[in-house]
Amino acid sequence: RFVEYYASSCPHCKHLAPVWDEAKAQFAFDAGHTANVEWVQKECYGDGWGAGKDQAECEKADVHSFPTIRYFKGPKDTVGETYEGDRTASGMVNFVKSKLAAGGAEAAAATDSASAESGEAASSSVTATAAAATEDAPAVPDVPRFVEYFAGGCPHCKHIAPVWADAAKDWQSAHGESAGLDGKVMWQQKECFDQNWEPGKDHAECEKAGVHAFPTMKFFQDASDKEGELFDGDRTKEALTQYVNEQVTPEDPNAPPTPPQVIEYVAKDCPHCQHAQPVWEEVQQRWDTAAKSWDKAYPFDPSPQVQWTQKECFGKGWKAGADFKECDQAHVHGFPTIRMTGGKLGHRSRDFAGNLKSDEILKFVVRNLPEDQEP
């Protein structure tokens, strides 16, 4: 099942509605996939943010922002996988196809395993081959890497292929060791699925990276960076090269460190934002109380001064809020969104993805503080 959880009064949900219908129709007309996946919409909140007809189901699914889109493998899958790709018809269709292809590969691997146990000659599966390749794969190079994960049958991937190639070529021509960037940035492409949406040669690596939408681009600082930072800017040669330059340009050693900042993006009429408000206030109060004790314990060390900021993306009635333009530039799509910049992240940013509880948010902030500022 491919499920969209929505709120009738949510502007992003209204914008997605015709796109969802288009994607559903496009998938239905795609031969071979007409009966494989059920496309379902769940109304969590109705007009005026009253309880929707599916609110109980939404609560059970722990949905906190709208729209939320999840893929469920089957009846036994009660958690699902959140779709985080482009909110376009082709993006959603390609995602569902990729999940079906991955499921087919897993089934093939299970069949082969059963045949081997019964003494029959088992045919090799793409999944098994990919897993073996992963085991024998060389160690990840300890240099910055910019990686594009793609699918051969994805239209958006085909469109960006020449843009990526031009950006990589321009970067390599303009930035060498003489540019003072210590080294080089490896521009890599990983084939997650081939032209026919069969698992590609890098399928296992894509799965390990948690990539399920195409194309996905991530920047890794070094071999120890397992998460990478998702690139969500414009897909132009200039934007790609500028992004990489920002990632590798060393900080001025004489410049003061970027102070940690935690930003919560909210919409006034969003129920989850209203629910999170006391949690947000509790987090700040607990942090300020702890900071005072750190000051007393370490009088010669600066306490981890964290700036806590709230941005109003939408006001009452879902009208543009006081910080609407800033929210739009920050590519905020769900509410509330909690994002941290500065500290260990420097000029980069990272979104909080845990439960909206004060303990979880505090742990997230501490993890991203410079080591000499951690309490």
Protein backbone atom coordinates (compact mmCIF):
# COMPACT_ATOMS: atom_id res chain seq x y z
CA ARG A 1 0.00 0.00 0.00
CA PHE A 2 1.08 3.55 -0.74
CA VAL A 3 -0.66 5.85 1.76
CA GLU A 4 -1.00 9.63 1.94
CA TYR A 5 -2.01 11.01 5.33
CA TYR A 6 -3.45 14.50 4.92
CA ALA A 7 -5.32 17.36 6.55
CA SER A 8 -8.01 19.03 4.46
CA SER A 9 -7.03 22.57 5.52
CA CYS A 10 -3.28 22.07 5.00
CA PRO A 11 -2.00 24.15 2.02
CA HIS A 12 0.71 21.59 1.17
CA CYS A 13 -1.93 18.85 1.11
CA LYS A 14 -4.15 20.87 -1.22
CA HIS A 15 -1.18 21.43 -3.51
CA LEU A 16 -0.36 17.72 -3.53
CA ALA A 17 -3.93 16.50 -4.18
CA PRO A 18 -3.89 16.78 -8.01
CA VAL A 19 -0.31 15.49 -8.12
CA TRP A 20 -1.35 12.41 -6.13
CA ASP A 21 -4.25 11.76 -8.52
CA GLU A 22 -1.93 12.13 -11.50
CA ALA A 23 0.62 9.75 -9.99
CA LYS A 24 -2.07 7.19 -9.17
CA ALA A 25 -3.40 7.31 -12.73
CA GLN A 26 0.09 7.17 -14.23
CA PHE A 27 0.89 4.08 -12.16
CA ALA A 28 -2.41 2.38 -13.07
CA PHE A 29 -1.68 2.75 -16.78
CA ASP A 30 1.80 1.32 -16.40
CA ALA A 31 1.48 -2.27 -17.67
CA GLY A 32 2.37 -4.91 -15.14
CA HIS A 33 1.76 -2.77 -12.06
CA THR A 34 -2.02 -2.27 -12.17
CA ALA A 35 -2.86 -4.64 -9.32
CA ASN A 36 0.31 -4.63 -7.26
CA VAL A 37 -0.07 -1.55 -5.09
CA GLU A 38 -3.12 0.05 -3.50
CA TRP A 39 -2.98 3.87 -3.41
CA VAL A 40 -4.82 5.10 -0.31
CA GLN A 41 -5.57 8.52 1.20
CA LYS A 42 -6.28 8.95 4.91
CA GLU A 43 -8.03 12.07 6.23
CA CYS A 44 -6.43 12.87 9.58
CA TYR A 45 -8.09 16.28 9.93
CA GLY A 46 -11.09 17.66 8.09
CA ASP A 47 -11.95 21.23 7.18
CA GLY A 48 -11.24 23.66 10.00
CA TRP A 49 -8.85 21.14 11.55
CA GLY A 50 -11.66 19.12 13.07
CA ALA A 51 -11.08 15.40 13.57
CA GLY A 52 -11.04 13.62 10.20
CA LYS A 53 -12.73 10.31 9.42
CA ASP A 54 -9.38 8.48 9.66
CA GLN A 55 -7.95 10.34 12.67
CA ALA A 56 -7.69 7.23 14.84
CA GLU A 57 -5.71 5.45 12.14
CA CYS A 58 -3.46 8.50 11.71
CA GLU A 59 -2.81 8.63 15.44
CA LYS A 60 -1.97 4.93 15.47
CA ALA A 61 0.47 5.51 12.60
CA ASP A 62 2.11 8.31 14.65
CA VAL A 63 1.75 10.87 11.85
CA HIS A 64 2.82 14.36 12.95
CA SER A 65 3.07 16.43 9.76
CA PHE A 66 1.03 16.82 6.61
CA PRO A 67 1.11 15.50 4.06
CA THR A 68 2.98 12.34 5.12
CA ILE A 69 3.37 9.59 2.52
CA ARG A 70 4.35 6.04 3.44
CA TYR A 71 4.89 2.75 1.63
CA PHE A 72 3.82 -0.51 3.30
CA LYS A 73 5.21 -3.79 1.98
CA GLY A 74 2.21 -5.86 3.01
CA PRO A 75 -0.32 -6.66 5.77
CA LYS A 76 2.43 -7.53 8.27
CA ASP A 77 4.22 -4.20 7.72
CA THR A 78 2.72 -1.92 10.37
CA VAL A 79 5.45 0.75 10.34
CA GLY A 80 5.90 1.56 6.68
CA GLU A 81 8.61 3.61 5.04
CA THR A 82 8.21 7.38 4.71
CA TYR A 83 8.55 8.78 1.20
CA GLU A 84 10.89 11.77 1.24
CA GLY A 85 11.45 12.34 -2.46
CA ASP A 86 10.15 14.99 -4.85
CA ARG A 87 6.44 15.60 -4.59
CA THR A 88 5.88 15.03 -8.29
CA ALA A 89 3.89 12.34 -10.08
CA SER A 90 6.97 10.79 -11.65
CA GLY A 91 8.87 10.94 -8.35
CA MET A 92 6.18 8.99 -6.49
CA VAL A 93 5.64 6.49 -9.31
CA ASN A 94 9.37 5.82 -9.59
CA PHE A 95 9.59 5.33 -5.82
CA VAL A 96 6.81 2.74 -5.81
CA LYS A 97 8.40 0.94 -8.77
CA SER A 98 11.72 0.84 -6.94
CA LYS A 99 10.07 -0.72 -3.88
CA LEU A 100 8.34 -3.34 -6.01
CA ALA A 101 11.62 -4.18 -7.74
CA ALA A 102 13.39 -4.49 -4.40
CA GLY A 103 10.62 -6.75 -3.12
CA GLY A 104 10.94 -8.96 -6.19
CA ALA A 105 14.66 -9.29 -5.64
CA GLU A 106 14.12 -10.28 -2.01
CA ALA A 107 11.60 -12.92 -3.07
CA ALA A 108 14.04 -14.27 -5.63
CA ALA A 109 16.74 -14.52 -2.96
CA ALA A 110 14.38 -16.42 -0.65
CA THR A 111 13.45 -18.84 -3.45
CA ASP A 112 17.10 -19.47 -4.27
CA SER A 113 17.87 -20.13 -0.61
CA ALA A 114 15.04 -22.66 -0.31
CA SER A 115 16.19 -24.43 -3.48
CA ALA A 116 19.74 -24.66 -2.16
CA GLU A 117 18.54 -26.20 1.11
CA SER A 118 16.61 -28.87 -0.81
CA GLY A 119 19.68 -29.77 -2.82
CA GLU A 120 18.54 -28.14 -6.04
CA ALA A 121 20.82 -25.89 -8.02
CA ALA A 122 19.97 -22.37 -6.94
CA SER A 123 20.14 -19.59 -9.49
CA SER A 124 21.94 -16.48 -8.36
CA SER A 125 19.78 -13.48 -7.49
CA VAL A 126 20.64 -9.83 -7.96
CA THR A 127 20.22 -9.24 -4.25
CA ALA A 128 22.61 -12.02 -3.34
CA THR A 129 25.13 -10.77 -5.88
CA ALA A 130 24.83 -7.22 -4.58
CA ALA A 131 25.31 -8.42 -1.02
CA ALA A 132 28.42 -10.35 -1.99
CA ALA A 133 29.74 -7.33 -3.84
CA THR A 134 29.21 -5.22 -0.73
CA GLU A 135 31.23 -7.66 1.38
CA ASP A 136 34.13 -7.50 -1.09
CA ALA A 137 33.79 -3.77 -1.76
CA PRO A 138 36.85 -1.64 -1.11
CA ALA A 139 36.90 0.62 1.91
CA VAL A 140 35.20 3.98 1.51
CA PRO A 141 37.90 6.57 0.63
CA ASP A 142 38.64 9.00 3.44
CA VAL A 143 37.99 12.10 1.34
CA PRO A 144 34.90 14.26 0.75
CA ARG A 145 32.41 12.62 -1.61
CA PHE A 146 29.40 13.99 -3.48
CA VAL A 147 27.21 11.07 -4.48
CA GLU A 148 24.24 10.88 -6.85
CA TYR A 149 22.04 7.84 -6.39
CA PHE A 150 20.03 7.17 -9.54
CA ALA A 151 17.75 4.73 -11.36
CA GLY A 152 18.24 4.07 -15.06
CA GLY A 153 14.50 4.20 -15.76
CA CYS A 154 13.90 7.44 -13.83
CA PRO A 155 13.07 10.46 -16.09
CA HIS A 156 14.43 12.98 -13.55
CA CYS A 157 17.69 11.02 -13.39
CA LYS A 158 18.04 11.14 -17.16
CA HIS A 159 17.40 14.88 -17.10
CA ILE A 160 20.05 15.57 -14.48
CA ALA A 161 22.70 13.23 -15.93
CA PRO A 162 24.29 15.85 -18.25
CA VAL A 163 23.97 18.53 -15.55
CA TRP A 164 25.82 16.31 -13.08
CA ALA A 165 28.51 15.48 -15.64
CA ASP A 166 29.07 19.17 -16.48
CA ALA A 167 29.18 20.16 -12.80
CA ALA A 168 31.71 17.43 -11.98
CA LYS A 169 33.87 18.36 -14.95
CA ASP A 170 33.81 22.06 -14.08
CA TRP A 171 34.66 21.33 -10.46
CA GLN A 172 37.60 19.12 -11.32
CA SER A 173 38.90 21.70 -13.79
CA ALA A 174 38.63 24.62 -11.37
CA HIS A 175 39.51 22.98 -8.06
CA GLY A 176 42.65 20.95 -7.79
CA GLU A 177 45.24 20.58 -5.08
CA SER A 178 46.52 24.03 -6.05
CA ALA A 179 43.17 25.49 -5.07
CA GLY A 180 43.99 24.97 -1.43
CA LEU A 181 41.04 22.63 -0.73
CA ASP A 182 43.30 19.79 0.40
CA GLY A 183 42.45 17.25 -1.67
CA LYS A 184 39.83 16.36 -3.90
CA VAL A 185 36.13 15.85 -3.89
CA MET A 186 35.04 12.55 -5.41
CA TRP A 187 31.94 12.96 -7.56
CA GLN A 188 30.32 9.54 -7.64
CA GLN A 189 27.22 8.03 -9.21
CA LYS A 190 25.54 4.95 -7.79
CA GLU A 191 23.18 2.85 -9.89
CA CYS A 192 20.40 1.72 -7.58
CA PHE A 193 18.13 0.40 -10.33
CA ASP A 194 18.75 -0.19 -14.03
CA GLN A 195 16.70 0.86 -17.05
CA ASN A 196 14.07 -1.82 -16.36
CA TRP A 197 13.85 -1.07 -12.64
CA GLU A 198 15.77 -4.21 -11.78
CA PRO A 199 18.31 -3.83 -8.91
CA GLY A 200 21.41 -2.12 -10.30
CA LYS A 201 25.08 -2.81 -9.63
CA ASP A 202 25.07 -0.52 -6.56
CA HIS A 203 21.68 -1.61 -5.24
CA ALA A 204 22.99 -2.93 -1.91
CA GLU A 205 24.89 0.31 -1.27
CA CYS A 206 21.80 2.36 -2.05
CA GLU A 207 19.73 0.30 0.37
CA LYS A 208 22.38 0.71 3.06
CA ALA A 209 22.29 4.48 2.52
CA GLY A 210 18.51 4.48 2.94
CA VAL A 211 17.92 5.92 -0.55
CA HIS A 212 14.49 5.27 -2.01
CA ALA A 213 13.81 8.30 -4.21
CA PHE A 214 15.63 9.25 -7.39
CA PRO A 215 17.76 11.08 -7.98
CA THR A 216 19.05 11.59 -4.44
CA MET A 217 22.28 13.51 -3.86
CA LYS A 218 24.30 13.38 -0.64
CA PHE A 219 27.58 14.89 0.48
CA PHE A 220 29.86 12.89 2.78
CA GLN A 221 32.66 14.71 4.61
CA ASP A 222 34.90 11.64 5.04
CA ALA A 223 34.84 7.87 5.60
CA SER A 224 33.44 8.28 9.12
CA ASP A 225 30.44 10.24 7.84
CA LYS A 226 27.78 7.53 7.49
CA GLU A 227 24.67 9.72 7.14
CA GLY A 228 25.81 12.33 4.67
CA GLU A 229 24.00 15.59 4.08
CA LEU A 230 21.11 15.64 1.65
CA PHE A 231 21.38 18.19 -1.16
CA ASP A 232 18.01 19.84 -1.68
CA GLY A 233 18.96 22.87 -3.75
CA ASP A 234 18.29 23.72 -7.38
CA ARG A 235 19.39 21.03 -9.81
CA THR A 236 21.63 23.23 -11.89
CA LYS A 237 25.35 23.06 -12.59
CA GLU A 238 25.93 26.31 -10.73
CA ALA A 239 23.95 25.22 -7.65
CA LEU A 240 25.75 21.85 -7.46
CA THR A 241 29.24 23.32 -7.69
CA GLN A 242 28.43 26.13 -5.26
CA TYR A 243 27.07 23.59 -2.77
CA VAL A 244 30.23 21.45 -2.94
CA ASN A 245 32.40 24.55 -2.57
CA GLU A 246 30.51 25.51 0.59
CA GLN A 247 30.99 22.01 1.99
CA VAL A 248 34.76 21.86 1.54
CA THR A 249 35.80 25.46 2.00
CA PRO A 250 37.70 25.48 5.30
CA GLU A 251 36.47 27.73 8.06
CA ASP A 252 38.59 30.79 8.77
CA PRO A 253 40.71 29.71 11.78
CA ASN A 254 40.66 33.29 13.08
CA ALA A 255 36.92 33.63 12.76
CA PRO A 256 34.77 32.94 15.80
CA PRO A 257 32.96 29.59 15.68
CA THR A 258 29.44 29.58 14.32
CA PRO A 259 27.16 29.65 17.38
CA PRO A 260 24.73 26.73 17.63
CA GLN A 261 21.20 27.63 16.64
CA VAL A 262 18.06 25.51 16.86
CA ILE A 263 15.11 26.67 14.76
CA GLU A 264 11.53 25.46 14.95
CA TYR A 265 9.41 26.21 11.87
CA VAL A 266 5.71 26.32 12.74
CA ALA A 267 2.24 26.97 11.36
CA LYS A 268 -0.21 28.54 13.80
CA ASP A 269 -3.16 26.31 12.85
CA CYS A 270 -1.13 23.09 12.76
CA PRO A 271 -2.34 20.82 15.61
CA HIS A 272 1.05 19.15 15.94
CA CYS A 273 2.72 22.55 16.29
CA GLN A 274 0.29 23.44 19.05
CA HIS A 275 0.97 20.10 20.71
CA ALA A 276 4.74 20.63 20.42
CA GLN A 277 4.71 24.17 21.84
CA PRO A 278 4.96 23.17 25.53
CA VAL A 279 7.67 20.65 24.61
CA TRP A 280 9.61 23.39 22.83
CA GLU A 281 9.34 25.65 25.88
CA GLU A 282 10.36 22.82 28.21
CA VAL A 283 13.45 22.06 26.13
CA GLN A 284 14.65 25.67 26.33
CA GLN A 285 13.98 25.86 30.07
CA ARG A 286 15.90 22.64 30.73
CA TRP A 287 18.78 23.80 28.55
CA ASP A 288 19.04 27.19 30.27
CA THR A 289 18.96 25.55 33.70
CA ALA A 290 21.69 23.08 32.72
CA ALA A 291 23.82 25.83 31.14
CA LYS A 292 23.90 27.72 34.45
CA SER A 293 25.22 24.66 36.26
CA TRP A 294 27.89 24.20 33.57
CA ASP A 295 28.96 27.79 34.08
CA LYS A 296 29.45 27.17 37.80
CA ALA A 297 31.30 23.90 37.25
CA TYR A 298 33.55 25.31 34.53
CA PRO A 299 33.90 29.05 35.25
CA PHE A 300 36.72 29.48 32.70
CA ASP A 301 34.97 27.64 29.90
CA PRO A 302 32.19 29.19 27.83
CA SER A 303 28.95 27.34 28.32
CA PRO A 304 27.32 25.99 25.16
CA GLN A 305 25.29 29.05 24.26
CA VAL A 306 22.52 27.81 22.01
CA GLN A 307 20.18 30.22 20.29
CA TRP A 308 16.60 28.95 20.19
CA THR A 309 14.44 30.52 17.48
CA GLN A 310 10.89 29.99 16.27
CA LYS A 311 9.83 30.89 12.72
CA GLU A 312 6.20 31.45 11.78
CA CYS A 313 5.72 30.01 8.29
CA PHE A 314 1.92 30.23 8.31
CA GLY A 315 -0.28 32.37 10.54
CA LYS A 316 -3.91 31.94 11.47
CA GLY A 317 -6.10 30.64 8.66
CA TRP A 318 -2.98 29.27 6.93
CA LYS A 319 -2.13 32.69 5.59
CA ALA A 320 1.51 33.53 4.93
CA GLY A 321 3.20 34.07 8.28
CA ALA A 322 5.76 36.63 9.40
CA ASP A 323 8.64 34.38 8.31
CA PHE A 324 7.00 32.81 5.24
CA LYS A 325 9.76 33.78 2.78
CA GLU A 326 12.48 32.47 5.07
CA CYS A 327 10.61 29.18 5.50
CA ASP A 328 10.18 28.88 1.74
CA GLN A 329 13.88 29.52 1.13
CA ALA A 330 14.70 26.88 3.75
CA HIS A 331 12.60 24.30 1.82
CA VAL A 332 10.43 23.52 4.85
CA HIS A 333 7.60 21.15 3.86
CA GLY A 334 6.21 19.85 7.15
CA PHE A 335 5.28 21.34 10.51
CA PRO A 336 6.77 21.52 12.95
CA THR A 337 10.27 21.18 11.52
CA ILE A 338 13.18 21.49 13.98
CA ARG A 339 16.54 22.28 12.39
CA MET A 340 19.99 22.88 13.90
CA THR A 341 22.86 24.88 12.41
CA GLY A 342 26.27 25.89 13.71
CA GLY A 343 28.16 24.04 16.43
CA LYS A 344 29.73 20.88 15.08
CA LEU A 345 27.74 21.38 11.86
CA GLY A 346 29.41 24.70 11.05
CA HIS A 347 27.54 26.38 8.20
CA ARG A 348 25.60 23.19 7.47
CA SER A 349 22.24 22.18 8.95
CA ARG A 350 20.51 19.04 10.12
CA ASP A 351 16.83 18.29 10.80
CA PHE A 352 15.60 16.59 13.95
CA ALA A 353 13.91 13.30 13.05
CA GLY A 354 13.05 11.80 16.45
CA ASN A 355 9.98 11.85 18.65
CA LEU A 356 8.78 15.26 19.78
CA LYS A 357 9.94 14.79 23.37
CA SER A 358 12.26 17.09 25.29
CA ASP A 359 14.78 14.31 26.03
CA GLU A 360 15.05 13.39 22.36
CA ILE A 361 15.50 16.99 21.23
CA LEU A 362 18.16 17.65 23.89
CA LYS A 363 20.12 14.56 22.83
CA PHE A 364 19.94 15.76 19.21
CA VAL A 365 21.37 19.17 20.16
CA VAL A 366 24.16 17.72 22.30
CA ARG A 367 25.23 15.35 19.50
CA ASN A 368 25.77 18.32 17.21
CA LEU A 369 27.75 20.49 19.64
CA PRO A 370 31.54 20.82 19.27
CA GLU A 371 33.26 18.27 21.49
CA ASP A 372 34.77 20.96 23.72
CA GLN A 373 31.28 22.34 24.39
CA GLU A 374 29.46 19.10 25.14
CA PRO A 375 28.16 19.01 28.73
